[in-house]
């Protein structure tokens, strides 16, 4: 028992003759494939958000940066003063070294080394504390940005939002919308 498709194909073959059989088969298969294609075929809506711009240009990010800088200003100034003191002491030592006794030279070299070690330790602690504090502040901004991105995606029917890509077309970049949602 032949299927409806096979019956129609044999009828077309008889009508067209044997020479055009391959052509007819290709045409029928092509029409069948087109009929089987989904009717709802639509493009995927993709957006892009630059996390770097969000963490640099948004109002909450600028406010957090100013807050952190104010919070660490005193320690930064202390580090600058300590570095200046070390530089001045080293210059003074270089100037005085030819006339110093051996024991005095060793004593001052040890003091300079201790001061340098202290400076390096304080810089390292400062940087660790600064980074930790910055990460605390910026993690809340990232959470707010993620919420804004999800809201925009739902409102505008995005299928996919990508953050941080190598290259992006400006037509899919929605970073400005997210900045606006974050207040600027």
C-alpha atoms as a PDB file:
ATOM      1  CA  UNK A   1       0.000   0.000   0.000  1.00  0.00           C
ATOM      2  CA  UNK A   2       1.473   3.301  -1.080  1.00  0.00           C
ATOM      3  CA  UNK A   3       1.301   6.529   0.915  1.00  0.00           C
ATOM      4  CA  UNK A   4      -0.535   9.543  -0.468  1.00  0.00           C
ATOM      5  CA  UNK A   5       2.811  11.209  -1.184  1.00  0.00           C
ATOM      6  CA  UNK A   6       4.089   8.202  -3.150  1.00  0.00           C
ATOM      7  CA  UNK A   7       0.853   7.990  -5.135  1.00  0.00           C
ATOM      8  CA  UNK A   8       1.051  11.652  -6.099  1.00  0.00           C
ATOM      9  CA  UNK A   9       4.712  11.291  -7.012  1.00  0.00           C
ATOM     10  CA  UNK A  10       4.001   8.314  -9.285  1.00  0.00           C
ATOM     11  CA  UNK A  11       1.179  10.216 -10.982  1.00  0.00           C
ATOM     12  CA  UNK A  12       3.476  13.187 -11.587  1.00  0.00           C
ATOM     13  CA  UNK A  13       6.196  10.846 -12.895  1.00  0.00           C
ATOM     14  CA  UNK A  14       3.835   9.253 -15.408  1.00  0.00           C
ATOM     15  CA  UNK A  15       2.674  12.666 -16.542  1.00  0.00           C
ATOM     16  CA  UNK A  16       6.199  14.102 -16.899  1.00  0.00           C
ATOM     17  CA  UNK A  17       7.896  11.048 -18.341  1.00  0.00           C
ATOM     18  CA  UNK A  18      11.040   9.335 -17.172  1.00  0.00           C
ATOM     19  CA  UNK A  19      13.562  12.041 -18.240  1.00  0.00           C
ATOM     20  CA  UNK A  20      12.344  14.607 -15.745  1.00  0.00           C
ATOM     21  CA  UNK A  21      11.925  12.206 -12.833  1.00  0.00           C
ATOM     22  CA  UNK A  22      14.887  13.590 -10.811  1.00  0.00           C
ATOM     23  CA  UNK A  23      13.704  17.170 -11.310  1.00  0.00           C
ATOM     24  CA  UNK A  24      10.196  16.353 -10.196  1.00  0.00           C
ATOM     25  CA  UNK A  25      11.463  14.457  -7.155  1.00  0.00           C
ATOM     26  CA  UNK A  26      13.626  17.407  -6.106  1.00  0.00           C
ATOM     27  CA  UNK A  27      10.727  19.832  -6.514  1.00  0.00           C
ATOM     28  CA  UNK A  28       8.338  17.684  -4.492  1.00  0.00           C
ATOM     29  CA  UNK A  29      10.903  17.172  -1.729  1.00  0.00           C
ATOM     30  CA  UNK A  30      11.581  20.910  -1.654  1.00  0.00           C
ATOM     31  CA  UNK A  31       7.894  21.707  -1.295  1.00  0.00           C
ATOM     32  CA  UNK A  32       7.591  19.113   1.443  1.00  0.00           C
ATOM     33  CA  UNK A  33      10.483  20.621   3.355  1.00  0.00           C
ATOM     34  CA  UNK A  34       8.986  24.083   3.089  1.00  0.00           C
ATOM     35  CA  UNK A  35       5.653  22.816   4.370  1.00  0.00           C
ATOM     36  CA  UNK A  36       7.374  21.195   7.340  1.00  0.00           C
ATOM     37  CA  UNK A  37       9.204  24.425   8.345  1.00  0.00           C
ATOM     38  CA  UNK A  38       7.869  26.144  11.493  1.00  0.00           C
ATOM     39  CA  UNK A  39       5.359  28.849  10.793  1.00  0.00           C
ATOM     40  CA  UNK A  40       6.458  30.934  13.785  1.00  0.00           C
ATOM     41  CA  UNK A  41      10.101  31.355  12.735  1.00  0.00           C
ATOM     42  CA  UNK A  42      11.190  34.666  14.242  1.00  0.00           C
ATOM     43  CA  UNK A  43      14.566  36.152  15.072  1.00  0.00           C
ATOM     44  CA  UNK A  44      16.040  35.828  18.529  1.00  0.00           C
ATOM     45  CA  UNK A  45      16.206  39.195  20.281  1.00  0.00           C
ATOM     46  CA  UNK A  46      19.661  39.708  21.775  1.00  0.00           C
ATOM     47  CA  UNK A  47      20.951  42.577  23.894  1.00  0.00           C
ATOM     48  CA  UNK A  48      24.342  43.519  25.293  1.00  0.00           C
ATOM     49  CA  UNK A  49      25.305  45.312  28.511  1.00  0.00           C
ATOM     50  CA  UNK A  50      28.784  46.629  29.273  1.00  0.00           C
ATOM     51  CA  UNK A  51      29.497  45.837  32.917  1.00  0.00           C
ATOM     52  CA  UNK A  52      32.572  48.044  32.776  1.00  0.00           C
ATOM     53  CA  UNK A  53      30.478  51.075  31.787  1.00  0.00           C
ATOM     54  CA  UNK A  54      27.904  50.301  34.470  1.00  0.00           C
ATOM     55  CA  UNK A  55      30.601  50.135  37.166  1.00  0.00           C
ATOM     56  CA  UNK A  56      32.279  53.283  35.841  1.00  0.00           C
ATOM     57  CA  UNK A  57      29.496  55.588  34.641  1.00  0.00           C
ATOM     58  CA  UNK A  58      26.382  54.862  36.700  1.00  0.00           C
ATOM     59  CA  UNK A  59      25.379  57.252  39.471  1.00  0.00           C
ATOM     60  CA  UNK A  60      25.557  54.551  42.161  1.00  0.00           C
ATOM     61  CA  UNK A  61      29.066  53.593  40.983  1.00  0.00           C
ATOM     62  CA  UNK A  62      30.283  57.194  41.049  1.00  0.00           C
ATOM     63  CA  UNK A  63      28.797  57.690  44.503  1.00  0.00           C
ATOM     64  CA  UNK A  64      30.407  54.479  45.778  1.00  0.00           C
ATOM     65  CA  UNK A  65      33.781  55.468  44.325  1.00  0.00           C
ATOM     66  CA  UNK A  66      33.621  58.889  46.004  1.00  0.00           C
ATOM     67  CA  UNK A  67      32.597  57.274  49.303  1.00  0.00           C
ATOM     68  CA  UNK A  68      35.478  54.792  49.180  1.00  0.00           C
ATOM     69  CA  UNK A  69      38.019  57.462  48.237  1.00  0.00           C
ATOM     70  CA  UNK A  70      36.885  59.635  51.149  1.00  0.00           C
ATOM     71  CA  UNK A  71      37.018  56.649  53.476  1.00  0.00           C
ATOM     72  CA  UNK A  72      40.609  55.779  52.474  1.00  0.00           C
ATOM     73  CA  UNK A  73      41.931  59.330  51.994  1.00  0.00           C
ATOM     74  CA  UNK A  74      43.553  59.541  55.434  1.00  0.00           C
ATOM     75  CA  UNK A  75      45.384  56.232  55.049  1.00  0.00           C
ATOM     76  CA  UNK A  76      46.505  57.170  51.543  1.00  0.00           C
ATOM     77  CA  UNK A  77      47.908  60.465  52.830  1.00  0.00           C
ATOM     78  CA  UNK A  78      49.751  58.601  55.609  1.00  0.00           C
ATOM     79  CA  UNK A  79      51.295  56.282  53.027  1.00  0.00           C
ATOM     80  CA  UNK A  80      52.380  59.248  50.915  1.00  0.00           C
ATOM     81  CA  UNK A  81      53.984  60.880  53.952  1.00  0.00           C
ATOM     82  CA  UNK A  82      55.781  57.664  54.866  1.00  0.00           C
ATOM     83  CA  UNK A  83      57.054  57.271  51.281  1.00  0.00           C
ATOM     84  CA  UNK A  84      58.298  60.888  51.297  1.00  0.00           C
ATOM     85  CA  UNK A  85      60.021  60.319  54.644  1.00  0.00           C
ATOM     86  CA  UNK A  86      61.724  57.193  53.292  1.00  0.00           C
ATOM     87  CA  UNK A  87      62.865  59.054  50.177  1.00  0.00           C
ATOM     88  CA  UNK A  88      64.223  61.985  52.233  1.00  0.00           C
ATOM     89  CA  UNK A  89      65.979  59.681  54.694  1.00  0.00           C
ATOM     90  CA  UNK A  90      67.552  57.718  51.822  1.00  0.00           C
ATOM     91  CA  UNK A  91      68.775  60.936  50.182  1.00  0.00           C
ATOM     92  CA  UNK A  92      70.189  62.140  53.487  1.00  0.00           C
ATOM     93  CA  UNK A  93      71.893  58.792  54.021  1.00  0.00           C
ATOM     94  CA  UNK A  94      73.457  58.895  50.531  1.00  0.00           C
ATOM     95  CA  UNK A  95      74.731  62.389  51.252  1.00  0.00           C
ATOM     96  CA  UNK A  96      76.063  61.538  54.743  1.00  0.00           C
ATOM     97  CA  UNK A  97      77.378  58.009  54.006  1.00  0.00           C
ATOM     98  CA  UNK A  98      80.982  59.001  53.157  1.00  0.00           C
ATOM     99  CA  UNK A  99      81.487  60.687  56.561  1.00  0.00           C
ATOM    100  CA  UNK A 100      79.578  58.186  58.727  1.00  0.00           C
ATOM    101  CA  UNK A 101      81.308  55.604  60.864  1.00  0.00           C
ATOM    102  CA  UNK A 102      80.789  51.962  59.912  1.00  0.00           C
ATOM    103  CA  UNK A 103      78.472  51.292  62.866  1.00  0.00           C
ATOM    104  CA  UNK A 104      76.426  54.450  62.180  1.00  0.00           C
ATOM    105  CA  UNK A 105      76.145  53.546  58.464  1.00  0.00           C
ATOM    106  CA  UNK A 106      74.937  50.010  59.313  1.00  0.00           C
ATOM    107  CA  UNK A 107      72.474  51.413  61.864  1.00  0.00           C
ATOM    108  CA  UNK A 108      70.974  53.880  59.342  1.00  0.00           C
ATOM    109  CA  UNK A 109      70.855  51.260  56.585  1.00  0.00           C
ATOM    110  CA  UNK A 110      68.915  49.007  58.955  1.00  0.00           C
ATOM    111  CA  UNK A 111      66.541  51.890  59.801  1.00  0.00           C
ATOM    112  CA  UNK A 112      65.975  52.545  56.085  1.00  0.00           C
ATOM    113  CA  UNK A 113      65.324  48.851  55.443  1.00  0.00           C
ATOM    114  CA  UNK A 114      62.873  48.710  58.368  1.00  0.00           C
ATOM    115  CA  UNK A 115      61.108  51.835  57.130  1.00  0.00           C
ATOM    116  CA  UNK A 116      60.915  50.388  53.604  1.00  0.00           C
ATOM    117  CA  UNK A 117      59.512  47.075  54.931  1.00  0.00           C
ATOM    118  CA  UNK A 118      56.953  48.985  56.995  1.00  0.00           C
ATOM    119  CA  UNK A 119      55.931  51.031  53.950  1.00  0.00           C
ATOM    120  CA  UNK A 120      55.565  47.929  51.760  1.00  0.00           C
ATOM    121  CA  UNK A 121      53.484  46.148  54.417  1.00  0.00           C
ATOM    122  CA  UNK A 122      51.210  49.171  54.899  1.00  0.00           C
ATOM    123  CA  UNK A 123      50.758  49.568  51.128  1.00  0.00           C
ATOM    124  CA  UNK A 124      49.824  45.909  50.780  1.00  0.00           C
ATOM    125  CA  UNK A 125      47.325  46.135  53.676  1.00  0.00           C
ATOM    126  CA  UNK A 126      45.911  49.357  52.244  1.00  0.00           C
ATOM    127  CA  UNK A 127      45.425  47.775  48.818  1.00  0.00           C
ATOM    128  CA  UNK A 128      43.787  44.662  50.273  1.00  0.00           C
ATOM    129  CA  UNK A 129      41.430  46.722  52.434  1.00  0.00           C
ATOM    130  CA  UNK A 130      40.659  49.076  49.551  1.00  0.00           C
ATOM    131  CA  UNK A 131      39.869  46.190  47.186  1.00  0.00           C
ATOM    132  CA  UNK A 132      37.737  44.409  49.776  1.00  0.00           C
ATOM    133  CA  UNK A 133      35.759  47.590  50.479  1.00  0.00           C
ATOM    134  CA  UNK A 134      35.391  48.363  46.770  1.00  0.00           C
ATOM    135  CA  UNK A 135      34.096  44.835  46.108  1.00  0.00           C
ATOM    136  CA  UNK A 136      31.543  45.227  48.916  1.00  0.00           C
ATOM    137  CA  UNK A 137      30.231  48.488  47.469  1.00  0.00           C
ATOM    138  CA  UNK A 138      30.228  47.360  43.870  1.00  0.00           C
ATOM    139  CA  UNK A 139      28.561  44.000  44.531  1.00  0.00           C
ATOM    140  CA  UNK A 140      25.370  45.836  45.519  1.00  0.00           C
ATOM    141  CA  UNK A 141      25.601  47.888  42.321  1.00  0.00           C
ATOM    142  CA  UNK A 142      25.951  44.691  40.281  1.00  0.00           C
ATOM    143  CA  UNK A 143      22.861  43.271  41.997  1.00  0.00           C
ATOM    144  CA  UNK A 144      20.878  46.424  41.178  1.00  0.00           C
ATOM    145  CA  UNK A 145      22.146  46.361  37.587  1.00  0.00           C
ATOM    146  CA  UNK A 146      21.173  42.688  37.222  1.00  0.00           C
ATOM    147  CA  UNK A 147      17.673  43.482  38.466  1.00  0.00           C
ATOM    148  CA  UNK A 148      17.414  46.387  36.002  1.00  0.00           C
ATOM    149  CA  UNK A 149      18.661  44.176  33.154  1.00  0.00           C
ATOM    150  CA  UNK A 150      16.090  41.481  33.994  1.00  0.00           C
ATOM    151  CA  UNK A 151      13.316  44.075  34.088  1.00  0.00           C
ATOM    152  CA  UNK A 152      14.347  45.521  30.706  1.00  0.00           C
ATOM    153  CA  UNK A 153      14.610  42.009  29.238  1.00  0.00           C
ATOM    154  CA  UNK A 154      11.087  41.154  30.386  1.00  0.00           C
ATOM    155  CA  UNK A 155       9.562  44.469  29.291  1.00  0.00           C
ATOM    156  CA  UNK A 156      11.184  44.436  25.848  1.00  0.00           C
ATOM    157  CA  UNK A 157      10.997  40.669  25.253  1.00  0.00           C
ATOM    158  CA  UNK A 158      14.714  39.944  25.007  1.00  0.00           C
ATOM    159  CA  UNK A 159      15.622  36.289  24.588  1.00  0.00           C
ATOM    160  CA  UNK A 160      19.249  36.769  25.609  1.00  0.00           C
ATOM    161  CA  UNK A 161      21.266  39.525  27.313  1.00  0.00           C
ATOM    162  CA  UNK A 162      25.048  39.208  27.097  1.00  0.00           C
ATOM    163  CA  UNK A 163      27.505  40.978  29.367  1.00  0.00           C
ATOM    164  CA  UNK A 164      31.096  41.640  28.363  1.00  0.00           C
ATOM    165  CA  UNK A 165      31.741  40.568  24.786  1.00  0.00           C
ATOM    166  CA  UNK A 166      34.723  41.062  22.504  1.00  0.00           C
ATOM    167  CA  UNK A 167      32.801  42.995  19.874  1.00  0.00           C
ATOM    168  CA  UNK A 168      29.252  44.296  19.851  1.00  0.00           C
ATOM    169  CA  UNK A 169      27.057  46.113  17.386  1.00  0.00           C
ATOM    170  CA  UNK A 170      25.651  49.364  18.810  1.00  0.00           C
ATOM    171  CA  UNK A 171      22.154  48.291  17.745  1.00  0.00           C
ATOM    172  CA  UNK A 172      22.080  45.554  20.424  1.00  0.00           C
ATOM    173  CA  UNK A 173      23.815  47.585  23.172  1.00  0.00           C
ATOM    174  CA  UNK A 174      21.287  48.391  25.916  1.00  0.00           C
ATOM    175  CA  UNK A 175      23.842  49.716  28.421  1.00  0.00           C
ATOM    176  CA  UNK A 176      22.400  53.237  28.221  1.00  0.00           C
ATOM    177  CA  UNK A 177      18.951  51.888  29.160  1.00  0.00           C
ATOM    178  CA  UNK A 178      20.449  50.135  32.191  1.00  0.00           C
ATOM    179  CA  UNK A 179      22.340  53.296  33.210  1.00  0.00           C
ATOM    180  CA  UNK A 180      19.084  55.229  32.962  1.00  0.00           C
ATOM    181  CA  UNK A 181      17.301  52.599  35.068  1.00  0.00           C
ATOM    182  CA  UNK A 182      20.035  52.958  37.708  1.00  0.00           C
ATOM    183  CA  UNK A 183      19.499  56.699  37.825  1.00  0.00           C
ATOM    184  CA  UNK A 184      21.839  58.121  35.241  1.00  0.00           C
END
